[in-house]
Amino acid sequence: MTYNVERNVSIDINFDKAIHLIFGYTAMCGTCKVSERMLDIANDIVQLPIIKVDLNYYPEFNQAQSIQSVPVLLIMNYDQEVERLYAFRSVPFLLEKMKKVIDET
């Protein structure tokens, strides 16, 4: 399940499912496009809920989460950040990170 957050919509990081993902990107970021594709492929296997947020429109979210660059993947357990990734590296790397969090909960 993927949600793309549009402008002027609040970002709700409190999902009803324990483990979920928040993918932060900007529209003009080429690396973000590649990372999003890798994330989509990895998430086809683990099937976690994901929110995709264009961070250009949410400076308050950037500041609250101390986001330093894009792309960024926040792996969440309810409202707690479990893991933060800025370097996506590869699909197997992403799968390993996601499965590790799933196995630990």
PDB file of N, CA and C in Angstrom:
ATOM      1  N   MET A   1       0.847  -1.166   0.000  1.00  0.00           N
ATOM      2  CA  MET A   1       0.000   0.000   0.000  1.00  0.00           C
ATOM      3  C   MET A   1       0.896   1.233   0.000  1.00  0.00           C
ATOM      4  N   THR A   2       0.716   2.103  -0.990  1.00  0.00           N
ATOM      5  CA  THR A   2       1.534   3.299  -1.123  1.00  0.00           C
ATOM      6  C   THR A   2       0.651   4.533  -1.091  1.00  0.00           C
ATOM      7  N   TYR A   3       1.062   5.520  -0.327  1.00  0.00           N
ATOM      8  CA  TYR A   3       0.369   6.801  -0.278  1.00  0.00           C
ATOM      9  C   TYR A   3       1.330   7.874  -0.745  1.00  0.00           C
ATOM     10  N   ASN A   4       0.936   8.639  -1.741  1.00  0.00           N
ATOM     11  CA  ASN A   4       1.711   9.804  -2.157  1.00  0.00           C
ATOM     12  C   ASN A   4       1.088  11.021  -1.496  1.00  0.00           C
ATOM     13  N   VAL A   5       1.857  11.733  -0.715  1.00  0.00           N
ATOM     14  CA  VAL A   5       1.343  12.877   0.020  1.00  0.00           C
ATOM     15  C   VAL A   5       1.408  14.113  -0.868  1.00  0.00           C
ATOM     16  N   GLU A   6       0.265  14.727  -1.084  1.00  0.00           N
ATOM     17  CA  GLU A   6       0.172  15.942  -1.893  1.00  0.00           C
ATOM     18  C   GLU A   6       0.428  17.160  -1.017  1.00  0.00           C
ATOM     19  N   ARG A   7       0.525  18.311  -1.641  1.00  0.00           N
ATOM     20  CA  ARG A   7       0.696  19.567  -0.908  1.00  0.00           C
ATOM     21  C   ARG A   7      -0.491  19.818   0.010  1.00  0.00           C
ATOM     22  N   ASN A   8      -0.206  20.483   1.110  1.00  0.00           N
ATOM     23  CA  ASN A   8      -1.229  20.906   2.070  1.00  0.00           C
ATOM     24  C   ASN A   8      -1.968  19.746   2.737  1.00  0.00           C
ATOM     25  N   VAL A   9      -1.362  18.593   2.763  1.00  0.00           N
ATOM     26  CA  VAL A   9      -1.929  17.452   3.474  1.00  0.00           C
ATOM     27  C   VAL A   9      -0.973  17.128   4.608  1.00  0.00           C
ATOM     28  N   SER A  10      -1.502  16.909   5.792  1.00  0.00           N
ATOM     29  CA  SER A  10      -0.613  16.612   6.914  1.00  0.00           C
ATOM     30  C   SER A  10      -0.005  15.224   6.748  1.00  0.00           C
ATOM     31  N   ILE A  11       1.203  15.071   7.235  1.00  0.00           N
ATOM     32  CA  ILE A  11       1.894  13.791   7.174  1.00  0.00           C
ATOM     33  C   ILE A  11       1.643  13.071   8.482  1.00  0.00           C
ATOM     34  N   ASP A  12       0.962  11.936   8.406  1.00  0.00           N
ATOM     35  CA  ASP A  12       0.636  11.169   9.598  1.00  0.00           C
ATOM     36  C   ASP A  12       1.577   9.979   9.673  1.00  0.00           C
ATOM     37  N   ILE A  13       2.522  10.019  10.607  1.00  0.00           N
ATOM     38  CA  ILE A  13       3.471   8.917  10.723  1.00  0.00           C
ATOM     39  C   ILE A  13       2.990   7.852  11.692  1.00  0.00           C
ATOM     40  N   ASN A  14       1.796   8.009  12.236  1.00  0.00           N
ATOM     41  CA  ASN A  14       1.240   7.019  13.162  1.00  0.00           C
ATOM     42  C   ASN A  14       0.289   6.101  12.414  1.00  0.00           C
ATOM     43  N   PHE A  15       0.818   5.052  11.859  1.00  0.00           N
ATOM     44  CA  PHE A  15       0.026   4.092  11.109  1.00  0.00           C
ATOM     45  C   PHE A  15      -0.614   3.094  12.057  1.00  0.00           C
ATOM     46  N   ASP A  16      -1.639   2.417  11.569  1.00  0.00           N
ATOM     47  CA  ASP A  16      -2.252   1.362  12.368  1.00  0.00           C
ATOM     48  C   ASP A  16      -1.427   0.079  12.317  1.00  0.00           C
ATOM     49  N   LYS A  17      -0.488   0.000  11.386  1.00  0.00           N
ATOM     50  CA  LYS A  17       0.410  -1.155  11.321  1.00  0.00           C
ATOM     51  C   LYS A  17       1.721  -0.792  12.002  1.00  0.00           C
ATOM     52  N   ALA A  18       2.299  -1.754  12.653  1.00  0.00           N
ATOM     53  CA  ALA A  18       3.521  -1.483  13.409  1.00  0.00           C
ATOM     54  C   ALA A  18       4.646  -0.983  12.508  1.00  0.00           C
ATOM     55  N   ILE A  19       5.026  -1.752  11.519  1.00  0.00           N
ATOM     56  CA  ILE A  19       6.157  -1.392  10.670  1.00  0.00           C
ATOM     57  C   ILE A  19       5.639  -0.742   9.392  1.00  0.00           C
ATOM     58  N   HIS A  20       6.126   0.457   9.089  1.00  0.00           N
ATOM     59  CA  HIS A  20       5.797   1.130   7.843  1.00  0.00           C
ATOM     60  C   HIS A  20       6.973   2.007   7.426  1.00  0.00           C
ATOM     61  N   LEU A  21       6.916   2.491   6.201  1.00  0.00           N
ATOM     62  CA  LEU A  21       8.021   3.235   5.612  1.00  0.00           C
ATOM     63  C   LEU A  21       7.584   4.644   5.246  1.00  0.00           C
ATOM     64  N   ILE A  22       8.498   5.594   5.404  1.00  0.00           N
ATOM     65  CA  ILE A  22       8.300   6.949   4.900  1.00  0.00           C
ATOM     66  C   ILE A  22       9.479   7.247   3.977  1.00  0.00           C
ATOM     67  N   PHE A  23       9.178   7.471   2.702  1.00  0.00           N
ATOM     68  CA  PHE A  23      10.198   7.772   1.702  1.00  0.00           C
ATOM     69  C   PHE A  23      10.139   9.258   1.389  1.00  0.00           C
ATOM     70  N   GLY A  24      11.223   9.965   1.667  1.00  0.00           N
ATOM     71  CA  GLY A  24      11.311  11.391   1.386  1.00  0.00           C
ATOM     72  C   GLY A  24      12.142  11.638   0.145  1.00  0.00           C
ATOM     73  N   TYR A  25      11.637  12.496  -0.729  1.00  0.00           N
ATOM     74  CA  TYR A  25      12.307  12.799  -1.992  1.00  0.00           C
ATOM     75  C   TYR A  25      12.027  14.248  -2.370  1.00  0.00           C
ATOM     76  N   THR A  26      12.671  14.699  -3.429  1.00  0.00           N
ATOM     77  CA  THR A  26      12.305  15.961  -4.068  1.00  0.00           C
ATOM     78  C   THR A  26      12.128  15.683  -5.556  1.00  0.00           C
ATOM     79  N   ALA A  27      11.288  16.466  -6.196  1.00  0.00           N
ATOM     80  CA  ALA A  27      10.899  16.201  -7.581  1.00  0.00           C
ATOM     81  C   ALA A  27      12.065  16.267  -8.572  1.00  0.00           C
ATOM     82  N   MET A  28      13.018  17.140  -8.353  1.00  0.00           N
ATOM     83  CA  MET A  28      14.115  17.326  -9.304  1.00  0.00           C
ATOM     84  C   MET A  28      15.346  16.477  -8.988  1.00  0.00           C
ATOM     85  N   CYS A  29      15.230  15.553  -8.076  1.00  0.00           N
ATOM     86  CA  CYS A  29      16.359  14.725  -7.640  1.00  0.00           C
ATOM     87  C   CYS A  29      16.418  13.434  -8.460  1.00  0.00           C
ATOM     88  N   GLY A  30      17.443  13.311  -9.299  1.00  0.00           N
ATOM     89  CA  GLY A  30      17.601  12.106 -10.107  1.00  0.00           C
ATOM     90  C   GLY A  30      17.888  10.871  -9.275  1.00  0.00           C
ATOM     91  N   THR A  31      18.706  11.016  -8.245  1.00  0.00           N
ATOM     92  CA  THR A  31      19.009   9.898  -7.350  1.00  0.00           C
ATOM     93  C   THR A  31      17.747   9.420  -6.645  1.00  0.00           C
ATOM     94  N   CYS A  32      16.845  10.342  -6.361  1.00  0.00           N
ATOM     95  CA  CYS A  32      15.581   9.978  -5.703  1.00  0.00           C
ATOM     96  C   CYS A  32      14.756   9.056  -6.596  1.00  0.00           C
ATOM     97  N   LYS A  33      14.757   9.321  -7.902  1.00  0.00           N
ATOM     98  CA  LYS A  33      13.994   8.486  -8.839  1.00  0.00           C
ATOM     99  C   LYS A  33      14.540   7.061  -8.859  1.00  0.00           C
ATOM    100  N   VAL A  34      15.859   6.929  -8.907  1.00  0.00           N
ATOM    101  CA  VAL A  34      16.489   5.608  -8.904  1.00  0.00           C
ATOM    102  C   VAL A  34      16.213   4.903  -7.580  1.00  0.00           C
ATOM    103  N   SER A  35      16.350   5.626  -6.484  1.00  0.00           N
ATOM    104  CA  SER A  35      16.115   5.052  -5.152  1.00  0.00           C
ATOM    105  C   SER A  35      14.663   4.627  -4.983  1.00  0.00           C
ATOM    106  N   GLU A  36      13.741   5.421  -5.502  1.00  0.00           N
ATOM    107  CA  GLU A  36      12.317   5.077  -5.404  1.00  0.00           C
ATOM    108  C   GLU A  36      12.028   3.780  -6.150  1.00  0.00           C
ATOM    109  N   ARG A  37      12.638   3.626  -7.310  1.00  0.00           N
ATOM    110  CA  ARG A  37      12.442   2.389  -8.089  1.00  0.00           C
ATOM    111  C   ARG A  37      12.988   1.189  -7.322  1.00  0.00           C
ATOM    112  N   MET A  38      14.178   1.315  -6.738  1.00  0.00           N
ATOM    113  CA  MET A  38      14.745   0.218  -5.937  1.00  0.00           C
ATOM    114  C   MET A  38      13.840  -0.097  -4.752  1.00  0.00           C
ATOM    115  N   LEU A  39      13.342   0.938  -4.103  1.00  0.00           N
ATOM    116  CA  LEU A  39      12.455   0.754  -2.955  1.00  0.00           C
ATOM    117  C   LEU A  39      11.171   0.042  -3.366  1.00  0.00           C
ATOM    118  N   ASP A  40      10.596   0.431  -4.497  1.00  0.00           N
ATOM    119  CA  ASP A  40       9.373  -0.218  -4.977  1.00  0.00           C
ATOM    120  C   ASP A  40       9.598  -1.702  -5.244  1.00  0.00           C
ATOM    121  N   ILE A  41      10.729  -2.036  -5.840  1.00  0.00           N
ATOM    122  CA  ILE A  41      11.044  -3.442  -6.120  1.00  0.00           C
ATOM    123  C   ILE A  41      11.199  -4.217  -4.818  1.00  0.00           C
ATOM    124  N   ALA A  42      11.956  -3.674  -3.872  1.00  0.00           N
ATOM    125  CA  ALA A  42      12.152  -4.348  -2.583  1.00  0.00           C
ATOM    126  C   ALA A  42      10.829  -4.478  -1.837  1.00  0.00           C
ATOM    127  N   ASN A  43      10.018  -3.446  -1.885  1.00  0.00           N
ATOM    128  CA  ASN A  43       8.764  -3.465  -1.137  1.00  0.00           C
ATOM    129  C   ASN A  43       7.716  -4.374  -1.778  1.00  0.00           C
ATOM    130  N   ASP A  44       7.869  -4.703  -3.054  1.00  0.00           N
ATOM    131  CA  ASP A  44       6.989  -5.698  -3.673  1.00  0.00           C
ATOM    132  C   ASP A  44       7.130  -7.042  -2.971  1.00  0.00           C
ATOM    133  N   ILE A  45       8.289  -7.287  -2.390  1.00  0.00           N
ATOM    134  CA  ILE A  45       8.543  -8.559  -1.697  1.00  0.00           C
ATOM    135  C   ILE A  45       8.030  -8.520  -0.263  1.00  0.00           C
ATOM    136  N   VAL A  46       8.343  -7.465   0.484  1.00  0.00           N
ATOM    137  CA  VAL A  46       7.968  -7.428   1.909  1.00  0.00           C
ATOM    138  C   VAL A  46       6.590  -6.829   2.160  1.00  0.00           C
ATOM    139  N   GLN A  47       6.066  -6.061   1.219  1.00  0.00           N
ATOM    140  CA  GLN A  47       4.697  -5.524   1.288  1.00  0.00           C
ATOM    141  C   GLN A  47       4.413  -4.697   2.539  1.00  0.00           C
ATOM    142  N   LEU A  48       5.254  -3.710   2.802  1.00  0.00           N
ATOM    143  CA  LEU A  48       5.022  -2.804   3.924  1.00  0.00           C
ATOM    144  C   LEU A  48       4.273  -1.565   3.441  1.00  0.00           C
ATOM    145  N   PRO A  49       3.429  -0.978   4.285  1.00  0.00           N
ATOM    146  CA  PRO A  49       2.796   0.291   3.915  1.00  0.00           C
ATOM    147  C   PRO A  49       3.879   1.362   3.767  1.00  0.00           C
ATOM    148  N   ILE A  50       3.720   2.214   2.771  1.00  0.00           N
ATOM    149  CA  ILE A  50       4.723   3.245   2.522  1.00  0.00           C
ATOM    150  C   ILE A  50       4.049   4.579   2.209  1.00  0.00           C
ATOM    151  N   ILE A  51       4.611   5.637   2.769  1.00  0.00           N
ATOM    152  CA  ILE A  51       4.185   6.998   2.461  1.00  0.00           C
ATOM    153  C   ILE A  51       5.330   7.645   1.693  1.00  0.00           C
ATOM    154  N   LYS A  52       5.026   8.213   0.525  1.00  0.00           N
ATOM    155  CA  LYS A  52       6.029   8.918  -0.273  1.00  0.00           C
ATOM    156  C   LYS A  52       5.738  10.409  -0.190  1.00  0.00           C
ATOM    157  N   VAL A  53       6.743  11.168   0.247  1.00  0.00           N
ATOM    158  CA  VAL A  53       6.543  12.586   0.537  1.00  0.00           C
ATOM    159  C   VAL A  53       7.542  13.451  -0.236  1.00  0.00           C
ATOM    160  N   ASP A  54       7.023  14.399  -1.032  1.00  0.00           N
ATOM    161  CA  ASP A  54       7.883  15.394  -1.669  1.00  0.00           C
ATOM    162  C   ASP A  54       8.244  16.419  -0.597  1.00  0.00           C
ATOM    163  N   LEU A  55       9.462  16.348  -0.114  1.00  0.00           N
ATOM    164  CA  LEU A  55       9.880  17.147   1.036  1.00  0.00           C
ATOM    165  C   LEU A  55      10.032  18.637   0.736  1.00  0.00           C
ATOM    166  N   ASN A  56       9.970  19.029  -0.535  1.00  0.00           N
ATOM    167  CA  ASN A  56       9.983  20.459  -0.859  1.00  0.00           C
ATOM    168  C   ASN A  56       8.806  21.180  -0.216  1.00  0.00           C
ATOM    169  N   TYR A  57       7.710  20.474  -0.029  1.00  0.00           N
ATOM    170  CA  TYR A  57       6.482  21.084   0.473  1.00  0.00           C
ATOM    171  C   TYR A  57       6.288  20.929   1.975  1.00  0.00           C
ATOM    172  N   TYR A  58       7.238  20.288   2.657  1.00  0.00           N
ATOM    173  CA  TYR A  58       7.074  20.024   4.091  1.00  0.00           C
ATOM    174  C   TYR A  58       8.318  20.384   4.893  1.00  0.00           C
ATOM    175  N   PRO A  59       8.717  21.648   4.900  1.00  0.00           N
ATOM    176  CA  PRO A  59       9.914  22.030   5.661  1.00  0.00           C
ATOM    177  C   PRO A  59       9.775  21.746   7.158  1.00  0.00           C
ATOM    178  N   GLU A  60       8.558  21.835   7.684  1.00  0.00           N
ATOM    179  CA  GLU A  60       8.357  21.551   9.109  1.00  0.00           C
ATOM    180  C   GLU A  60       8.595  20.072   9.417  1.00  0.00           C
ATOM    181  N   PHE A  61       8.243  19.191   8.490  1.00  0.00           N
ATOM    182  CA  PHE A  61       8.507  17.762   8.660  1.00  0.00           C
ATOM    183  C   PHE A  61      10.011  17.510   8.593  1.00  0.00           C
ATOM    184  N   ASN A  62      10.687  18.156   7.632  1.00  0.00           N
ATOM    185  CA  ASN A  62      12.146  18.029   7.512  1.00  0.00           C
ATOM    186  C   ASN A  62      12.832  18.418   8.812  1.00  0.00           C
ATOM    187  N   GLN A  63      12.413  19.531   9.356  1.00  0.00           N
ATOM    188  CA  GLN A  63      13.029  20.026  10.586  1.00  0.00           C
ATOM    189  C   GLN A  63      12.702  19.125  11.774  1.00  0.00           C
ATOM    190  N   ALA A  64      11.457  18.715  11.895  1.00  0.00           N
ATOM    191  CA  ALA A  64      11.044  17.866  13.021  1.00  0.00           C
ATOM    192  C   ALA A  64      11.769  16.526  13.003  1.00  0.00           C
ATOM    193  N   GLN A  65      12.014  15.992  11.811  1.00  0.00           N
ATOM    194  CA  GLN A  65      12.677  14.695  11.681  1.00  0.00           C
ATOM    195  C   GLN A  65      14.188  14.824  11.484  1.00  0.00           C
ATOM    196  N   SER A  66      14.698  16.041  11.455  1.00  0.00           N
ATOM    197  CA  SER A  66      16.132  16.311  11.238  1.00  0.00           C
ATOM    198  C   SER A  66      16.650  15.643   9.965  1.00  0.00           C
ATOM    199  N   ILE A  67      15.897  15.782   8.888  1.00  0.00           N
ATOM    200  CA  ILE A  67      16.290  15.192   7.607  1.00  0.00           C
ATOM    201  C   ILE A  67      17.396  16.050   7.003  1.00  0.00           C
ATOM    202  N   GLN A  68      18.505  15.388   6.639  1.00  0.00           N
ATOM    203  CA  GLN A  68      19.691  16.098   6.178  1.00  0.00           C
ATOM    204  C   GLN A  68      19.833  16.130   4.668  1.00  0.00           C
ATOM    205  N   SER A  69      19.291  15.117   3.982  1.00  0.00           N
ATOM    206  CA  SER A  69      19.392  15.080   2.526  1.00  0.00           C
ATOM    207  C   SER A  69      18.334  14.131   1.971  1.00  0.00           C
ATOM    208  N   VAL A  70      18.220  14.142   0.658  1.00  0.00           N
ATOM    209  CA  VAL A  70      17.310  13.227  -0.023  1.00  0.00           C
ATOM    210  C   VAL A  70      18.105  12.427  -1.034  1.00  0.00           C
ATOM    211  N   PRO A  71      17.657  11.226  -1.326  1.00  0.00           N
ATOM    212  CA  PRO A  71      16.487  10.546  -0.786  1.00  0.00           C
ATOM    213  C   PRO A  71      16.729  10.078   0.644  1.00  0.00           C
ATOM    214  N   VAL A  72      15.623   9.877   1.359  1.00  0.00           N
ATOM    215  CA  VAL A  72      15.705   9.356   2.719  1.00  0.00           C
ATOM    216  C   VAL A  72      14.591   8.332   2.914  1.00  0.00           C
ATOM    217  N   LEU A  73      14.912   7.267   3.606  1.00  0.00           N
ATOM    218  CA  LEU A  73      13.917   6.259   3.963  1.00  0.00           C
ATOM    219  C   LEU A  73      13.893   6.144   5.475  1.00  0.00           C
ATOM    220  N   LEU A  74      12.729   6.387   6.052  1.00  0.00           N
ATOM    221  CA  LEU A  74      12.530   6.202   7.489  1.00  0.00           C
ATOM    222  C   LEU A  74      11.747   4.912   7.678  1.00  0.00           C
ATOM    223  N   ILE A  75      12.336   3.969   8.378  1.00  0.00           N
ATOM    224  CA  ILE A  75      11.633   2.733   8.721  1.00  0.00           C
ATOM    225  C   ILE A  75      11.075   2.942  10.116  1.00  0.00           C
ATOM    226  N   MET A  76       9.753   2.888  10.217  1.00  0.00           N
ATOM    227  CA  MET A  76       9.059   3.261  11.439  1.00  0.00           C
ATOM    228  C   MET A  76       8.402   2.052  12.106  1.00  0.00           C
ATOM    229  N   ASN A  77       8.336   2.103  13.426  1.00  0.00           N
ATOM    230  CA  ASN A  77       7.542   1.167  14.217  1.00  0.00           C
ATOM    231  C   ASN A  77       6.534   2.031  14.962  1.00  0.00           C
ATOM    232  N   TYR A  78       5.303   2.041  14.466  1.00  0.00           N
ATOM    233  CA  TYR A  78       4.290   3.012  14.897  1.00  0.00           C
ATOM    234  C   TYR A  78       4.873   4.409  14.720  1.00  0.00           C
ATOM    235  N   ASP A  79       5.074   5.177  15.780  1.00  0.00           N
ATOM    236  CA  ASP A  79       5.594   6.536  15.609  1.00  0.00           C
ATOM    237  C   ASP A  79       7.079   6.654  15.953  1.00  0.00           C
ATOM    238  N   GLN A  80       7.749   5.527  16.149  1.00  0.00           N
ATOM    239  CA  GLN A  80       9.172   5.527  16.489  1.00  0.00           C
ATOM    240  C   GLN A  80      10.021   5.173  15.271  1.00  0.00           C
ATOM    241  N   GLU A  81      11.023   5.992  15.019  1.00  0.00           N
ATOM    242  CA  GLU A  81      11.953   5.693  13.936  1.00  0.00           C
ATOM    243  C   GLU A  81      12.875   4.563  14.365  1.00  0.00           C
ATOM    244  N   VAL A  82      12.932   3.514  13.542  1.00  0.00           N
ATOM    245  CA  VAL A  82      13.781   2.358  13.832  1.00  0.00           C
ATOM    246  C   VAL A  82      15.091   2.450  13.059  1.00  0.00           C
ATOM    247  N   GLU A  83      14.995   2.910  11.823  1.00  0.00           N
ATOM    248  CA  GLU A  83      16.178   2.976  10.952  1.00  0.00           C
ATOM    249  C   GLU A  83      15.996   4.136   9.983  1.00  0.00           C
ATOM    250  N   ARG A  84      17.105   4.769   9.647  1.00  0.00           N
ATOM    251  CA  ARG A  84      17.099   5.868   8.668  1.00  0.00           C
ATOM    252  C   ARG A  84      18.167   5.560   7.633  1.00  0.00           C
ATOM    253  N   LEU A  85      17.787   5.623   6.359  1.00  0.00           N
ATOM    254  CA  LEU A  85      18.721   5.347   5.277  1.00  0.00           C
ATOM    255  C   LEU A  85      18.787   6.537   4.327  1.00  0.00           C
ATOM    256  N   TYR A  86      19.994   6.965   4.026  1.00  0.00           N
ATOM    257  CA  TYR A  86      20.209   7.977   2.997  1.00  0.00           C
ATOM    258  C   TYR A  86      20.842   7.337   1.760  1.00  0.00           C
ATOM    259  N   ALA A  87      21.620   6.291   1.956  1.00  0.00           N
ATOM    260  CA  ALA A  87      22.269   5.572   0.855  1.00  0.00           C
ATOM    261  C   ALA A  87      21.520   4.265   0.627  1.00  0.00           C
ATOM    262  N   PHE A  88      20.855   4.143  -0.519  1.00  0.00           N
ATOM    263  CA  PHE A  88      20.014   2.982  -0.776  1.00  0.00           C
ATOM    264  C   PHE A  88      20.802   1.800  -1.336  1.00  0.00           C
ATOM    265  N   ARG A  89      21.922   2.056  -1.961  1.00  0.00           N
ATOM    266  CA  ARG A  89      22.891   1.065  -2.443  1.00  0.00           C
ATOM    267  C   ARG A  89      22.317   0.090  -3.459  1.00  0.00           C
ATOM    268  N   SER A  90      21.418  -0.828  -3.020  1.00  0.00           N
ATOM    269  CA  SER A  90      20.897  -1.852  -3.927  1.00  0.00           C
ATOM    270  C   SER A  90      19.591  -2.411  -3.380  1.00  0.00           C
ATOM    271  N   VAL A  91      18.875  -3.137  -4.230  1.00  0.00           N
ATOM    272  CA  VAL A  91      17.631  -3.781  -3.792  1.00  0.00           C
ATOM    273  C   VAL A  91      17.910  -4.803  -2.687  1.00  0.00           C
ATOM    274  N   PRO A  92      18.921  -5.679  -2.822  1.00  0.00           N
ATOM    275  CA  PRO A  92      19.194  -6.622  -1.723  1.00  0.00           C
ATOM    276  C   PRO A  92      19.534  -5.921  -0.404  1.00  0.00           C
ATOM    277  N   PHE A  93      20.237  -4.800  -0.468  1.00  0.00           N
ATOM    278  CA  PHE A  93      20.558  -4.041   0.742  1.00  0.00           C
ATOM    279  C   PHE A  93      19.281  -3.540   1.411  1.00  0.00           C
ATOM    280  N   LEU A  94      18.370  -2.971   0.630  1.00  0.00           N
ATOM    281  CA  LEU A  94      17.099  -2.490   1.178  1.00  0.00           C
ATOM    282  C   LEU A  94      16.281  -3.632   1.770  1.00  0.00           C
ATOM    283  N   LEU A  95      16.234  -4.747   1.056  1.00  0.00           N
ATOM    284  CA  LEU A  95      15.504  -5.920   1.561  1.00  0.00           C
ATOM    285  C   LEU A  95      16.064  -6.387   2.897  1.00  0.00           C
ATOM    286  N   GLU A  96      17.375  -6.435   2.991  1.00  0.00           N
ATOM    287  CA  GLU A  96      18.024  -6.858   4.234  1.00  0.00           C
ATOM    288  C   GLU A  96      17.640  -5.939   5.393  1.00  0.00           C
ATOM    289  N   LYS A  97      17.669  -4.631   5.157  1.00  0.00           N
ATOM    290  CA  LYS A  97      17.315  -3.663   6.207  1.00  0.00           C
ATOM    291  C   LYS A  97      15.856  -3.818   6.635  1.00  0.00           C
ATOM    292  N   MET A  98      14.957  -3.949   5.658  1.00  0.00           N
ATOM    293  CA  MET A  98      13.532  -4.072   5.979  1.00  0.00           C
ATOM    294  C   MET A  98      13.226  -5.379   6.700  1.00  0.00           C
ATOM    295  N   LYS A  99      13.803  -6.483   6.213  1.00  0.00           N
ATOM    296  CA  LYS A  99      13.557  -7.785   6.847  1.00  0.00           C
ATOM    297  C   LYS A  99      14.122  -7.826   8.263  1.00  0.00           C
ATOM    298  N   LYS A 100      15.256  -7.177   8.475  1.00  0.00           N
ATOM    299  CA  LYS A 100      15.851  -7.128   9.815  1.00  0.00           C
ATOM    300  C   LYS A 100      14.894  -6.460  10.799  1.00  0.00           C
ATOM    301  N   VAL A 101      14.308  -5.346  10.400  1.00  0.00           N
ATOM    302  CA  VAL A 101      13.363  -4.634  11.270  1.00  0.00           C
ATOM    303  C   VAL A 101      12.110  -5.475  11.503  1.00  0.00           C
ATOM    304  N   ILE A 102      11.614  -6.117  10.455  1.00  0.00           N
ATOM    305  CA  ILE A 102      10.426  -6.972  10.591  1.00  0.00           C
ATOM    306  C   ILE A 102      10.702  -8.109  11.565  1.00  0.00           C
ATOM    307  N   ASP A 103      11.861  -8.744  11.436  1.00  0.00           N
ATOM    308  CA  ASP A 103      12.215  -9.879  12.298  1.00  0.00           C
ATOM    309  C   ASP A 103      12.402  -9.472  13.753  1.00  0.00           C
ATOM    310  N   GLU A 104      12.838  -8.243  13.990  1.00  0.00           N
ATOM    311  CA  GLU A 104      13.097  -7.784  15.358  1.00  0.00           C
ATOM    312  C   GLU A 104      11.830  -7.368  16.099  1.00  0.00           C
ATOM    313  N   THR A 105      10.733  -7.207  15.371  1.00  0.00           N
ATOM    314  CA  THR A 105       9.494  -6.780  16.045  1.00  0.00           C
ATOM    315  C   THR A 105       8.524  -7.919  16.215  1.00  0.00           C
TER     316      THR A 105
END
